[in-house]
Protein backbone atom coordinates (compact mmCIF):
# COMPACT_ATOMS: atom_id res chain seq x y z
CA UNK A 1 0.00 0.00 0.00
CA UNK A 2 1.29 3.43 -0.84
CA UNK A 3 1.33 6.35 1.59
CA UNK A 4 -1.66 7.70 -0.34
CA UNK A 5 -3.54 4.55 0.54
CA UNK A 6 -3.29 5.28 4.23
CA UNK A 7 -4.39 8.89 4.14
CA UNK A 8 -7.50 9.71 6.13
CA UNK A 9 -10.59 11.41 4.79
CA UNK A 10 -10.70 15.17 4.51
CA UNK A 11 -14.12 15.55 6.10
CA UNK A 12 -16.56 13.84 8.44
CA UNK A 13 -18.11 10.76 6.83
CA UNK A 14 -21.92 10.81 6.72
CA UNK A 15 -22.78 7.13 6.46
CA UNK A 16 -26.51 7.25 7.16
CA UNK A 17 -27.40 9.65 4.35
CA UNK A 18 -25.88 7.38 1.70
CA UNK A 19 -28.18 4.41 2.28
CA UNK A 20 -29.69 3.50 -1.14
CA UNK A 21 -33.37 4.20 -0.47
CA UNK A 22 -34.04 4.06 -4.20
CA UNK A 23 -33.29 0.32 -3.94
CA UNK A 24 -34.42 -0.41 -0.37
CA UNK A 25 -37.30 1.66 0.95
CA UNK A 26 -36.71 0.63 4.56
CA UNK A 27 -33.41 0.47 6.41
CA UNK A 28 -33.28 -2.64 8.61
CA UNK A 29 -32.59 -2.12 12.34
CA UNK A 30 -29.12 -3.66 12.28
CA UNK A 31 -28.19 -1.74 9.15
CA UNK A 32 -29.09 1.50 10.88
CA UNK A 33 -27.23 0.51 14.05
CA UNK A 34 -24.02 -0.37 12.16
CA UNK A 35 -24.09 2.83 10.10
CA UNK A 36 -24.71 4.87 13.26
CA UNK A 37 -21.68 3.31 14.97
CA UNK A 38 -19.49 4.06 11.95
CA UNK A 39 -20.81 7.62 11.83
CA UNK A 40 -20.05 8.12 15.52
CA UNK A 41 -16.60 6.48 15.62
CA UNK A 42 -15.40 7.47 12.13
CA UNK A 43 -13.26 4.33 11.97
CA UNK A 44 -13.51 0.74 10.84
CA UNK A 45 -14.58 -2.27 12.83
CA UNK A 46 -15.66 -5.91 12.90
CA UNK A 47 -19.43 -6.33 12.74
CA UNK A 48 -21.17 -9.64 13.38
CA UNK A 49 -24.75 -9.44 12.13
CA UNK A 50 -26.91 -12.52 11.47
CA UNK A 51 -27.60 -13.88 8.01
CA UNK A 52 -30.18 -11.91 6.05
CA UNK A 53 -29.37 -8.47 7.47
CA UNK A 54 -28.44 -6.95 4.11
CA UNK A 55 -24.65 -6.78 4.31
CA UNK A 56 -24.25 -6.05 0.59
CA UNK A 57 -26.37 -2.91 1.00
CA UNK A 58 -24.21 -1.97 3.97
CA UNK A 59 -21.02 -2.39 1.96
CA UNK A 60 -22.36 -0.21 -0.86
CA UNK A 61 -23.48 2.47 1.59
CA UNK A 62 -20.20 2.49 3.52
CA UNK A 63 -17.99 2.74 0.44
CA UNK A 64 -20.12 5.47 -1.19
CA UNK A 65 -20.06 7.52 2.00
CA UNK A 66 -16.28 7.28 2.34
CA UNK A 67 -15.84 8.11 -1.35
CA UNK A 68 -17.98 11.24 -1.00
CA UNK A 69 -15.91 12.37 1.98
CA UNK A 70 -12.80 11.94 -0.19
CA UNK A 71 -14.20 14.11 -3.02
CA UNK A 72 -14.60 11.01 -5.21
CA UNK A 73 -10.85 10.41 -5.20
CA UNK A 74 -9.23 7.06 -4.48
CA UNK A 75 -10.32 3.44 -4.97
CA UNK A 76 -12.85 1.51 -2.86
CA UNK A 77 -13.15 -2.28 -2.75
CA UNK A 78 -15.98 -4.58 -1.71
CA UNK A 79 -14.43 -8.04 -1.28
CA UNK A 80 -16.43 -11.29 -1.30
CA UNK A 81 -15.37 -14.96 -1.07
CA UNK A 82 -16.64 -16.01 -4.49
CA UNK A 83 -17.75 -14.88 -7.95
CA UNK A 84 -21.47 -15.40 -7.22
CA UNK A 85 -21.39 -12.83 -4.41
CA UNK A 86 -19.32 -10.44 -6.54
CA UNK A 87 -21.99 -10.65 -9.25
CA UNK A 88 -24.78 -10.15 -6.72
CA UNK A 89 -23.27 -6.81 -5.67
CA UNK A 90 -23.15 -5.66 -9.31
CA UNK A 91 -26.73 -6.82 -9.92
CA UNK A 92 -28.08 -4.87 -6.94
CA UNK A 93 -25.85 -1.83 -7.40
CA UNK A 94 -24.75 -1.32 -11.04
CA UNK A 95 -22.33 1.43 -9.99
CA UNK A 96 -19.91 -1.32 -8.90
CA UNK A 97 -17.26 -2.25 -11.46
CA UNK A 98 -16.58 -5.98 -11.46
CA UNK A 99 -13.36 -7.87 -12.17
CA UNK A 100 -12.56 -11.56 -11.76
CA UNK A 101 -9.45 -13.73 -11.80
CA UNK A 102 -7.73 -14.88 -15.00
CA UNK A 103 -9.69 -18.14 -15.17
CA UNK A 104 -12.82 -16.22 -16.21
CA UNK A 105 -11.30 -14.65 -19.35
CA UNK A 106 -10.24 -16.00 -22.75
CA UNK A 107 -6.68 -15.69 -24.06
CA UNK A 108 -6.32 -14.26 -27.59
CA UNK A 109 -2.63 -15.08 -28.11
CA UNK A 110 -3.17 -18.63 -29.41
CA UNK A 111 -5.53 -19.74 -32.15
CA UNK A 112 -6.93 -22.53 -30.00
CA UNK A 113 -9.19 -21.73 -27.08
CA UNK A 114 -7.42 -21.14 -23.75
CA UNK A 115 -8.31 -19.28 -20.59
CA UNK A 116 -5.94 -16.55 -19.43
CA UNK A 117 -4.80 -18.60 -16.45
CA UNK A 118 -3.81 -21.53 -18.71
CA UNK A 119 -1.11 -19.71 -20.66
CA UNK A 120 2.33 -18.32 -19.62
CA UNK A 121 1.21 -14.69 -19.88
CA UNK A 122 4.23 -13.09 -18.18
CA UNK A 123 6.57 -14.83 -20.63
CA UNK A 124 4.70 -13.62 -23.73
CA UNK A 125 6.36 -10.22 -23.93
CA UNK A 126 5.43 -9.75 -27.60
CA UNK A 127 1.71 -10.46 -27.16
CA UNK A 128 -0.05 -7.91 -29.42
CA UNK A 129 -3.19 -7.99 -27.24
CA UNK A 130 -1.44 -6.94 -24.02
CA UNK A 131 -3.13 -3.86 -22.52
CA UNK A 132 -0.82 -1.37 -20.81
CA UNK A 133 -2.29 -0.76 -17.36
CA UNK A 134 -1.15 2.88 -17.28
CA UNK A 135 -2.16 4.03 -20.77
CA UNK A 136 -4.81 1.52 -21.82
CA UNK A 137 -3.03 1.01 -25.15
CA UNK A 138 -2.46 -2.42 -26.71
CA UNK A 139 1.09 -3.65 -27.42
CA UNK A 140 0.30 -3.47 -31.14
CA UNK A 141 -1.93 -0.69 -32.48
CA UNK A 142 -5.48 -1.81 -33.37
CA UNK A 143 -4.96 -5.32 -31.95
CA UNK A 144 -7.89 -6.95 -30.18
CA UNK A 145 -7.68 -6.19 -26.49
CA UNK A 146 -6.83 -8.92 -23.96
CA UNK A 147 -10.18 -9.47 -22.16
CA UNK A 148 -8.56 -9.88 -18.73
CA UNK A 149 -6.15 -6.94 -18.91
CA UNK A 150 -8.78 -4.78 -20.60
CA UNK A 151 -11.29 -5.42 -17.81
CA UNK A 152 -8.66 -4.72 -15.18
CA UNK A 153 -7.71 -1.44 -16.87
CA UNK A 154 -11.36 -0.39 -17.17
CA UNK A 155 -12.18 -0.94 -13.49
CA UNK A 156 -9.22 1.28 -12.64
CA UNK A 157 -10.98 4.12 -14.46
CA UNK A 158 -13.78 3.90 -11.89
CA UNK A 159 -13.37 3.71 -8.14
CA UNK A 160 -16.07 1.44 -6.71
CA UNK A 161 -14.98 -2.16 -7.31
CA UNK A 162 -16.54 -5.52 -6.42
CA UNK A 163 -14.02 -8.39 -6.52
CA UNK A 164 -13.05 -11.61 -4.80
CA UNK A 165 -10.61 -11.67 -1.90
CA UNK A 166 -8.23 -13.81 -3.98
CA UNK A 167 -8.15 -11.33 -6.87
CA UNK A 168 -7.47 -8.41 -4.55
CA UNK A 169 -4.81 -10.38 -2.67
CA UNK A 170 -2.72 -11.19 -5.74
CA UNK A 171 -3.06 -7.79 -7.41
CA UNK A 172 -2.34 -5.89 -4.19
CA UNK A 173 0.38 -8.13 -2.76
CA UNK A 174 2.38 -9.22 -5.82
CA UNK A 175 1.71 -6.92 -8.78
CA UNK A 176 0.90 -3.97 -6.47
CA UNK A 177 -1.57 -2.49 -8.89
CA UNK A 178 -3.71 -0.36 -6.59
CA UNK A 179 -2.01 2.92 -5.81
CA UNK A 180 -4.70 4.69 -3.85
CA UNK A 181 -7.03 2.32 -1.99
CA UNK A 182 -8.88 4.40 0.61
CA UNK A 183 -11.26 1.80 2.07
CA UNK A 184 -12.11 -1.91 1.91
CA UNK A 185 -15.27 -3.68 3.06
CA UNK A 186 -14.85 -7.45 3.53
CA UNK A 187 -17.95 -9.64 3.40
CA UNK A 188 -17.95 -13.06 5.13
CA UNK A 189 -14.88 -11.80 6.96
CA UNK A 190 -14.59 -14.96 9.07
CA UNK A 191 -13.40 -16.68 5.87
CA UNK A 192 -10.65 -14.13 5.16
CA UNK A 193 -7.70 -15.93 6.85
CA UNK A 194 -8.55 -19.30 5.27
CA UNK A 195 -9.02 -17.80 1.79
CA UNK A 196 -5.59 -16.17 1.98
CA UNK A 197 -4.02 -19.38 3.31
CA UNK A 198 -5.42 -21.38 0.43
CA UNK A 199 -4.45 -18.78 -2.16
CA UNK A 200 -0.85 -18.66 -0.94
CA UNK A 201 -0.40 -22.42 -0.59
CA UNK A 202 0.99 -24.46 -3.45
CA UNK A 203 2.38 -27.81 -4.50
CA UNK A 204 5.72 -28.81 -6.02
CA UNK A 205 5.88 -32.27 -7.61
CA UNK A 206 8.83 -34.15 -9.04
CA UNK A 207 6.79 -34.70 -12.22
CA UNK A 208 6.53 -30.97 -12.96
CA UNK A 209 10.10 -30.26 -11.87
CA UNK A 210 11.43 -33.02 -14.14
CA UNK A 211 9.52 -31.52 -17.08
CA UNK A 212 11.00 -28.11 -16.36
CA UNK A 213 14.49 -29.55 -15.96
CA UNK A 214 14.15 -31.28 -19.33
CA UNK A 215 12.93 -28.09 -21.04
CA UNK A 216 15.81 -26.03 -19.63
CA UNK A 217 18.38 -28.67 -20.58
CA UNK A 218 17.06 -29.06 -24.14
CA UNK A 219 17.27 -25.30 -24.67
CA UNK A 220 20.77 -24.89 -23.25
CA UNK A 221 19.73 -23.12 -20.05
CA UNK A 222 22.35 -24.08 -17.46
CA UNK A 223 20.05 -23.57 -14.48
CA UNK A 224 18.61 -27.03 -15.13
CA UNK A 225 21.43 -28.36 -12.92
CA UNK A 226 20.03 -26.60 -9.85
CA UNK A 227 16.57 -28.04 -10.54
CA UNK A 228 18.12 -31.51 -10.76
CA UNK A 229 19.87 -30.92 -7.43
CA UNK A 230 16.58 -29.84 -5.82
CA UNK A 231 14.71 -32.86 -7.23
CA UNK A 232 17.34 -35.26 -5.87
CA UNK A 233 17.22 -33.65 -2.42
CA UNK A 234 13.41 -33.69 -2.35
CA UNK A 235 13.28 -37.36 -3.29
CA UNK A 236 15.90 -38.32 -0.70
CA UNK A 237 14.00 -36.50 2.05
CA UNK A 238 10.65 -38.05 1.15
CA UNK A 239 12.07 -41.56 0.76
CA UNK A 240 12.75 -41.49 4.51
CA UNK A 241 8.96 -41.59 4.99
CA UNK A 242 6.25 -44.18 4.53
CA UNK A 243 4.35 -44.21 1.26
CA UNK A 244 1.02 -42.36 1.07
CA UNK A 245 1.55 -40.65 4.45
CA UNK A 246 1.55 -36.85 4.68
CA UNK A 247 4.43 -35.85 6.97
CA UNK A 248 5.75 -32.48 8.13
CA UNK A 249 9.33 -31.65 7.16
CA UNK A 250 11.71 -30.84 10.01
CA UNK A 251 14.02 -27.82 10.22
CA UNK A 252 17.08 -29.68 8.94
CA UNK A 253 15.24 -30.82 5.82
CA UNK A 254 13.77 -27.37 5.22
CA UNK A 255 17.20 -25.72 5.46
CA UNK A 256 18.62 -28.20 2.98
CA UNK A 257 15.95 -27.39 0.39
CA UNK A 258 16.13 -23.66 1.12
CA UNK A 259 19.87 -23.61 0.46
CA UNK A 260 19.41 -25.22 -2.97
CA UNK A 261 16.45 -23.16 -4.13
CA UNK A 262 18.22 -19.95 -3.11
CA UNK A 263 20.84 -20.68 -5.80
CA UNK A 264 18.29 -20.16 -8.60
CA UNK A 265 18.26 -16.74 -10.29
CA UNK A 266 14.61 -16.30 -11.28
CA UNK A 267 15.22 -13.17 -13.39
CA UNK A 268 17.93 -14.87 -15.42
CA UNK A 269 15.75 -17.92 -16.15
CA UNK A 270 12.77 -15.76 -17.09
CA UNK A 271 14.82 -13.80 -19.63
CA UNK A 272 16.28 -16.95 -21.19
CA UNK A 273 12.87 -18.65 -21.43
CA UNK A 274 11.34 -15.53 -23.02
CA UNK A 275 14.10 -15.61 -25.64
CA UNK A 276 13.29 -19.27 -26.38
CA UNK A 277 9.59 -18.47 -26.83
CA UNK A 278 10.42 -15.72 -29.34
CA UNK A 279 12.39 -18.10 -31.55
CA UNK A 280 9.98 -21.04 -31.45
CA UNK A 281 6.42 -20.24 -30.47
CA UNK A 282 4.93 -23.23 -28.57
CA UNK A 283 1.68 -24.47 -30.05
CA UNK A 284 0.68 -27.86 -28.65
CA UNK A 285 -1.32 -28.22 -25.45
CA UNK A 286 1.57 -30.05 -23.78
CA UNK A 287 4.10 -27.34 -24.68
CA UNK A 288 1.83 -24.55 -23.48
CA UNK A 289 1.04 -26.45 -20.28
CA UNK A 290 4.75 -26.97 -19.63
CA UNK A 291 5.53 -23.29 -20.18
CA UNK A 292 2.68 -22.35 -17.84
CA UNK A 293 4.19 -24.55 -15.13
CA UNK A 294 7.63 -23.08 -15.84
CA UNK A 295 6.19 -19.57 -15.58
CA UNK A 296 4.63 -20.44 -12.23
CA UNK A 297 7.89 -21.85 -10.88
CA UNK A 298 9.96 -18.89 -12.11
CA UNK A 299 7.38 -16.38 -10.87
CA UNK A 300 7.00 -18.11 -7.53
CA UNK A 301 10.67 -18.83 -6.77
CA UNK A 302 10.94 -15.87 -4.43
CA UNK A 303 7.74 -17.00 -2.73
CA UNK A 304 9.17 -20.51 -2.37
CA UNK A 305 12.29 -19.12 -0.72
CA UNK A 306 10.25 -16.97 1.66
CA UNK A 307 7.88 -19.85 2.41
CA UNK A 308 10.74 -22.15 3.38
CA UNK A 309 12.21 -19.37 5.54
CA UNK A 310 8.87 -18.72 7.25
CA UNK A 311 8.44 -22.44 7.96
CA UNK A 312 11.52 -22.23 10.18
CA UNK A 313 11.32 -21.00 13.76
CA UNK A 314 13.55 -18.04 14.60
CA UNK A 315 14.60 -16.26 17.79
CA UNK A 316 11.94 -13.62 17.14
CA UNK A 317 8.95 -15.75 16.13
CA UNK A 318 7.29 -19.13 15.80
CA UNK A 319 7.09 -20.72 12.32
CA UNK A 320 4.53 -18.96 10.12
CA UNK A 321 4.16 -21.67 7.44
CA UNK A 322 4.50 -25.42 7.27
CA UNK A 323 5.72 -27.81 4.60
CA UNK A 324 4.76 -31.45 4.26
CA UNK A 325 5.65 -34.08 1.72
CA UNK A 326 4.21 -37.27 0.30
CA UNK A 327 5.64 -40.21 -1.56
CA UNK A 328 2.63 -41.70 -3.33
CA UNK A 329 2.38 -44.79 -5.48
CA UNK A 330 0.22 -43.69 -8.42
CA UNK A 331 0.76 -46.80 -10.58
CA UNK A 332 2.73 -50.02 -10.36
CA UNK A 333 6.38 -49.09 -9.92
CA UNK A 334 5.61 -45.35 -10.34
CA UNK A 335 6.15 -43.12 -7.32
CA UNK A 336 5.14 -39.46 -7.26
CA UNK A 337 7.07 -37.15 -4.90
CA UNK A 338 5.27 -33.99 -3.80
CA UNK A 339 5.98 -31.06 -1.49
CA UNK A 340 3.04 -29.02 -0.20
CA UNK A 341 3.89 -25.54 1.05
CA UNK A 342 1.13 -24.20 3.28
CA UNK A 343 0.74 -20.61 4.35
CA UNK A 344 -0.65 -20.37 7.91
CA UNK A 345 -0.07 -17.09 9.78
CA UNK A 346 -1.57 -14.46 7.50
CA UNK A 347 -1.90 -11.45 9.83
CA UNK A 348 1.20 -9.67 8.36
CA UNK A 349 -0.17 -10.20 4.85
CA UNK A 350 -3.56 -8.76 5.82
CA UNK A 351 -1.79 -5.74 7.32
CA UNK A 352 0.22 -5.26 4.13
CA UNK A 353 -2.67 -5.32 1.65
CA UNK A 354 -5.32 -3.45 3.64
CA UNK A 355 -5.71 0.34 3.94
CA UNK A 356 -6.29 2.14 7.22
CA UNK A 357 -10.06 2.05 6.89
CA UNK A 358 -11.43 -1.51 6.86
CA UNK A 359 -14.94 -2.69 7.71
CA UNK A 360 -15.31 -6.45 8.25
CA UNK A 361 -18.82 -7.94 7.99
CA UNK A 362 -19.78 -11.48 8.97
CA UNK A 363 -22.67 -13.55 10.20
CA UNK A 364 -20.36 -15.73 12.29
CA UNK A 365 -17.39 -14.44 14.26
CA UNK A 366 -18.31 -15.93 17.64
CA UNK A 367 -15.40 -15.65 20.02
CA UNK A 368 -13.47 -12.64 18.74
CA UNK A 369 -10.09 -13.72 20.20
CA UNK A 370 -9.23 -16.52 17.70
CA UNK A 371 -10.38 -14.26 14.87
CA UNK A 372 -8.14 -11.42 16.04
CA UNK A 373 -5.15 -13.76 16.37
CA UNK A 374 -5.60 -14.88 12.76
CA UNK A 375 -6.25 -11.46 11.22
CA UNK A 376 -4.00 -9.34 13.43
CA UNK A 377 -6.79 -6.79 13.85
CA UNK A 378 -6.40 -5.05 17.22
CA UNK A 379 -9.28 -3.77 19.32
CA UNK A 380 -8.21 -0.10 19.23
CA UNK A 381 -8.37 0.08 15.43
CA UNK A 382 -10.99 -2.61 14.75
CA UNK A 383 -13.54 -2.77 17.59
CA UNK A 384 -15.90 -5.75 17.62
CA UNK A 385 -19.70 -5.39 17.61
CA UNK A 386 -22.35 -8.13 17.77
CA UNK A 387 -25.98 -7.74 16.74
CA UNK A 388 -29.04 -9.87 17.36
CA UNK A 389 -31.13 -11.30 14.56
CA UNK A 390 -34.19 -9.31 13.56
CA UNK A 391 -35.92 -12.60 12.59
CA UNK A 392 -38.24 -14.33 15.14
CA UNK A 393 -36.14 -16.73 17.22
CA UNK A 394 -39.17 -19.01 17.71
CA UNK A 395 -38.92 -19.89 14.00
CA UNK A 396 -35.66 -21.80 14.40
CA UNK A 397 -34.40 -24.73 16.48
CA UNK A 398 -30.97 -26.29 17.01
CA UNK A 399 -31.47 -29.85 18.28
CA UNK A 400 -28.96 -32.08 20.04
CA UNK A 401 -31.02 -35.23 20.78
CA UNK A 402 -30.56 -36.88 24.17
CA UNK A 403 -30.01 -40.25 22.47
CA UNK A 404 -27.41 -39.00 19.95
CA UNK A 405 -24.40 -41.32 19.73
CA UNK A 406 -20.84 -40.09 20.26
CA UNK A 407 -19.32 -40.22 16.77
CA UNK A 408 -15.82 -39.15 17.82
CA UNK A 409 -12.98 -41.43 16.72
CA UNK A 410 -11.99 -42.28 20.29
CA UNK A 411 -15.49 -43.02 21.67
CA UNK A 412 -17.48 -44.22 18.67
CA UNK A 413 -18.88 -47.72 19.13
CA UNK A 414 -19.06 -50.22 16.31
CA UNK A 415 -22.06 -49.52 14.12
CA UNK A 416 -22.90 -46.13 15.69
CA UNK A 417 -22.22 -44.12 12.55
CA UNK A 418 -24.18 -46.49 10.30
CA UNK A 419 -27.13 -46.45 12.72
CA UNK A 420 -27.05 -42.65 12.85
CA UNK A 421 -27.04 -42.37 9.07
CA UNK A 422 -30.00 -44.77 8.98
CA UNK A 423 -31.86 -42.64 11.56
CA UNK A 424 -31.28 -39.54 9.44
CA UNK A 425 -32.56 -41.31 6.31
CA UNK A 426 -35.72 -42.49 8.12
CA UNK A 427 -36.32 -38.96 9.44
CA UNK A 428 -35.85 -37.53 5.94
CA UNK A 429 -38.54 -39.93 4.72
CA UNK A 430 -40.93 -38.78 7.47
CA UNK A 431 -40.29 -35.16 6.57
CA UNK A 432 -40.61 -35.90 2.84
CA UNK A 433 -44.01 -37.49 3.49
CA UNK A 434 -44.97 -34.14 5.02
CA UNK A 435 -43.62 -32.25 2.00
CA UNK A 436 -40.56 -31.03 3.92
CA UNK A 437 -37.18 -31.26 2.20
CA UNK A 438 -33.80 -31.70 3.92
CA UNK A 439 -30.11 -30.85 3.64
CA UNK A 440 -27.80 -33.58 4.99
CA UNK A 441 -24.22 -32.54 5.83
CA UNK A 442 -21.49 -35.14 6.30
CA UNK A 443 -17.71 -34.82 6.64
CA UNK A 444 -16.15 -37.51 4.46
CA UNK A 445 -16.98 -38.89 1.03
CA UNK A 446 -17.23 -42.34 2.61
CA UNK A 447 -20.09 -41.03 4.78
CA UNK A 448 -21.73 -39.47 1.73
CA UNK A 449 -21.65 -42.79 -0.12
CA UNK A 450 -23.02 -44.67 2.91
CA UNK A 451 -25.92 -42.26 3.27
CA UNK A 452 -26.73 -42.58 -0.43
CA UNK A 453 -27.05 -46.33 0.04
CA UNK A 454 -29.27 -46.22 3.15
CA UNK A 455 -31.41 -43.42 1.69
CA UNK A 456 -32.10 -45.58 -1.35
CA UNK A 457 -33.09 -48.45 0.95
CA UNK A 458 -35.43 -46.12 2.85
CA UNK A 459 -37.03 -44.85 -0.36
CA UNK A 460 -35.72 -41.29 -0.11
CA UNK A 461 -34.77 -39.43 -3.31
CA UNK A 462 -31.37 -37.78 -2.90
CA UNK A 463 -29.59 -35.16 -5.01
CA UNK A 464 -25.80 -35.05 -4.70
CA UNK A 465 -22.65 -34.46 -6.74
CA UNK A 466 -20.35 -36.99 -8.39
CA UNK A 467 -20.47 -38.99 -11.63
CA UNK A 468 -19.83 -35.84 -13.64
CA UNK A 469 -22.19 -33.62 -11.63
CA UNK A 470 -20.53 -30.72 -9.79
CA UNK A 471 -21.61 -29.60 -6.32
CA UNK A 472 -23.00 -26.31 -7.65
CA UNK A 473 -25.00 -28.13 -10.31
CA UNK A 474 -26.46 -30.54 -7.75
CA UNK A 475 -27.50 -27.62 -5.54
CA UNK A 476 -29.15 -25.93 -8.51
CA UNK A 477 -31.06 -29.10 -9.43
CA UNK A 478 -32.29 -29.35 -5.83
CA UNK A 479 -33.37 -25.70 -5.72
CA UNK A 480 -35.29 -26.26 -8.95
CA UNK A 481 -37.26 -29.06 -7.28
CA UNK A 482 -35.33 -32.30 -7.85
CA UNK A 483 -35.28 -34.77 -4.96
CA UNK A 484 -36.31 -34.49 -1.32
CA UNK A 485 -32.78 -34.44 0.13
CA UNK A 486 -29.65 -32.50 -0.85
CA UNK A 487 -26.56 -34.39 0.33
CA UNK A 488 -23.02 -33.09 0.57
CA UNK A 489 -20.00 -32.43 2.72
CA UNK A 490 -19.59 -29.55 5.17
CA UNK A 491 -16.97 -28.14 2.81
CA UNK A 492 -19.44 -28.01 -0.10
CA UNK A 493 -22.74 -27.07 1.50
CA UNK A 494 -22.04 -25.98 5.09
CA UNK A 495 -21.70 -22.38 3.98
CA UNK A 496 -22.44 -20.23 0.95
CA UNK A 497 -25.63 -21.99 -0.13
CA UNK A 498 -29.03 -20.42 0.56
CA UNK A 499 -32.11 -22.64 0.93
CA UNK A 500 -34.89 -20.30 2.16
CA UNK A 501 -38.62 -20.20 1.45
CA UNK A 502 -39.10 -23.84 2.39
CA UNK A 503 -36.48 -25.20 -0.05
CA UNK A 504 -34.85 -27.16 2.80
CA UNK A 505 -36.23 -26.23 6.23
CA UNK A 506 -34.55 -29.31 7.77
CA UNK A 507 -30.76 -29.59 8.16
CA UNK A 508 -28.84 -32.58 9.54
CA UNK A 509 -25.22 -32.14 10.62
CA UNK A 510 -23.70 -35.60 11.15
CA UNK A 511 -20.67 -34.74 13.30
CA UNK A 512 -17.95 -32.12 13.91
CA UNK A 513 -15.30 -32.09 11.19
CA UNK A 514 -12.21 -32.15 13.39
CA UNK A 515 -9.06 -33.02 11.43
CA UNK A 516 -7.54 -36.50 11.87
CA UNK A 517 -4.38 -36.68 14.05
CA UNK A 518 -2.25 -37.41 10.96
CA UNK A 519 -3.35 -34.23 9.17
CA UNK A 520 -0.28 -31.98 8.62
CA UNK A 521 -2.19 -28.83 9.55
CA UNK A 522 -3.32 -30.47 12.79
CA UNK A 523 0.27 -31.52 13.54
CA UNK A 524 1.51 -27.99 12.88
CA UNK A 525 -1.17 -26.36 15.05
CA UNK A 526 -0.38 -28.69 17.95
CA UNK A 527 3.32 -27.82 17.71
CA UNK A 528 2.50 -24.13 17.41
CA UNK A 529 -0.27 -23.72 20.02
CA UNK A 530 -0.05 -26.83 22.20
CA UNK A 531 -2.83 -29.37 22.75
CA UNK A 532 -5.14 -27.03 24.70
CA UNK A 533 -4.71 -24.05 22.40
CA UNK A 534 -5.29 -26.19 19.33
CA UNK A 535 -8.55 -27.64 20.67
CA UNK A 536 -9.72 -24.09 21.40
CA UNK A 537 -9.18 -23.17 17.74
CA UNK A 538 -10.87 -26.34 16.47
CA UNK A 539 -13.93 -25.83 18.68
CA UNK A 540 -14.17 -22.20 17.55
CA UNK A 541 -14.19 -23.36 13.92
CA UNK A 542 -16.93 -25.89 14.70
CA UNK A 543 -19.04 -23.19 16.33
CA UNK A 544 -18.76 -21.07 13.20
CA UNK A 545 -19.92 -24.09 11.19
CA UNK A 546 -22.96 -24.68 13.43
CA UNK A 547 -24.10 -21.06 13.16
CA UNK A 548 -23.46 -21.09 9.41
CA UNK A 549 -25.26 -24.42 8.98
CA UNK A 550 -28.30 -23.25 10.89
CA UNK A 551 -28.52 -20.11 8.78
CA UNK A 552 -28.81 -21.86 5.42
CA UNK A 553 -32.61 -21.94 5.57
CA UNK A 554 -33.36 -18.75 7.53
CA UNK A 555 -33.14 -15.75 5.22
CA UNK A 556 -36.28 -13.77 6.02
CA UNK A 557 -38.77 -12.98 8.78
CA UNK A 558 -41.12 -15.72 7.52
CA UNK A 559 -38.60 -18.56 7.15
CA UNK A 560 -38.66 -21.48 9.57
CA UNK A 561 -35.80 -23.93 9.95
CA UNK A 562 -34.26 -26.53 12.23
CA UNK A 563 -30.79 -28.05 12.52
CA UNK A 564 -30.19 -31.53 13.96
CA UNK A 565 -26.69 -31.99 15.45
CA UNK A 566 -26.41 -35.78 15.32
CA UNK A 567 -23.33 -36.49 17.47
CA UNK A 568 -23.26 -36.01 21.25
CA UNK A 569 -19.88 -34.28 20.72
CA UNK A 570 -21.84 -31.13 19.93
CA UNK A 571 -23.28 -31.11 23.46
CA UNK A 572 -19.87 -30.24 24.94
CA UNK A 573 -19.55 -26.81 23.35
CA UNK A 574 -22.59 -25.73 21.33
CA UNK A 575 -24.61 -23.80 23.92
CA UNK A 576 -21.57 -21.98 25.31
CA UNK A 577 -20.47 -20.99 21.82
CA UNK A 578 -23.79 -19.77 20.43
CA UNK A 579 -24.35 -16.01 20.18
CA UNK A 580 -26.58 -14.76 22.99
CA UNK A 581 -29.49 -14.08 20.63
CA UNK A 582 -29.36 -17.65 19.25
CA UNK A 583 -29.25 -19.48 22.61
CA UNK A 584 -33.08 -19.65 22.96
CA UNK A 585 -33.14 -21.85 19.83
CA UNK A 586 -30.99 -24.51 21.54
CA UNK A 587 -32.96 -27.69 22.39
CA UNK A 588 -31.16 -30.47 24.28
CA UNK A 589 -33.75 -32.29 26.44
CA UNK A 590 -35.65 -34.16 23.72
CA UNK A 591 -35.01 -37.57 22.18
CA UNK A 592 -34.53 -37.84 18.43
CA UNK A 593 -38.16 -38.93 17.94
CA UNK A 594 -39.36 -36.03 20.08
CA UNK A 595 -37.19 -33.62 18.04
CA UNK A 596 -38.90 -34.86 14.87
CA UNK A 597 -42.33 -34.28 16.43
CA UNK A 598 -41.28 -30.82 17.62
CA UNK A 599 -40.13 -30.00 14.09
CA UNK A 600 -43.45 -31.10 12.59
CA UNK A 601 -45.27 -28.89 15.12
CA UNK A 602 -43.04 -25.93 14.23
CA UNK A 603 -43.78 -26.47 10.54
CA UNK A 604 -47.49 -26.80 11.43
CA UNK A 605 -47.70 -30.34 10.08
CA UNK A 606 -49.08 -31.67 13.39
CA UNK A 607 -50.66 -30.07 16.45
Foldseek 3Di string as FASTA:
>chain_A
DAPLQFDAFPDQFQLPVQQPCVLPVDQDPVLVVVSVVCNVVVFAAEEAAAFQNPVLSSQVSVQVRRCVSRVNDFAEEEAEADDVVLVVSCVSPVLAQEAEDQQVFWAPQAPDTDTRLLFLVVLQPQRQQDADLVPRAGSNHPDHHRVRNNSVSVNVVHHHYYYYLLVLLCCCPPVNPGHRHHEYEYEQQLCNLVSVQVSLKDKDKLVLLVLVLVVCVVLVNVCSVLSVVLSVLLVVQQVVDDAPFKDWDDLVSLVVNLVSLVVDDLVVVSVSVSVVCVVPPDHDSVVRNSSSSVSCCSSCSVVSNVLSVLCDQDPVGHRQWTKIWHWYDPDVVDTMIMIIITGHQCQVSLVSSGYQHYYYYHNACFPVVVVCRRNVDDCVRHPYDYDFHPADLLQEAEEEAPPFAAPDPVRDDPPNLLVLLLVVLLLLVVCVVLVAAAEEAEADVVSQVSSVVSNVVNVFFEFEDDPPRDRVNSLVVLQVPPTRYYYDYCVRPLADAAQEPRSHQEYEYEAQNDPDCSDPVLVVCCVVQNPVRSVVVSVSVSQRSVSSNRSRHDNDNPTHHYYYHRHCVCVVPNLVRDDPNNNVNYDYHHHPVVVSVVVCVSVVVDD
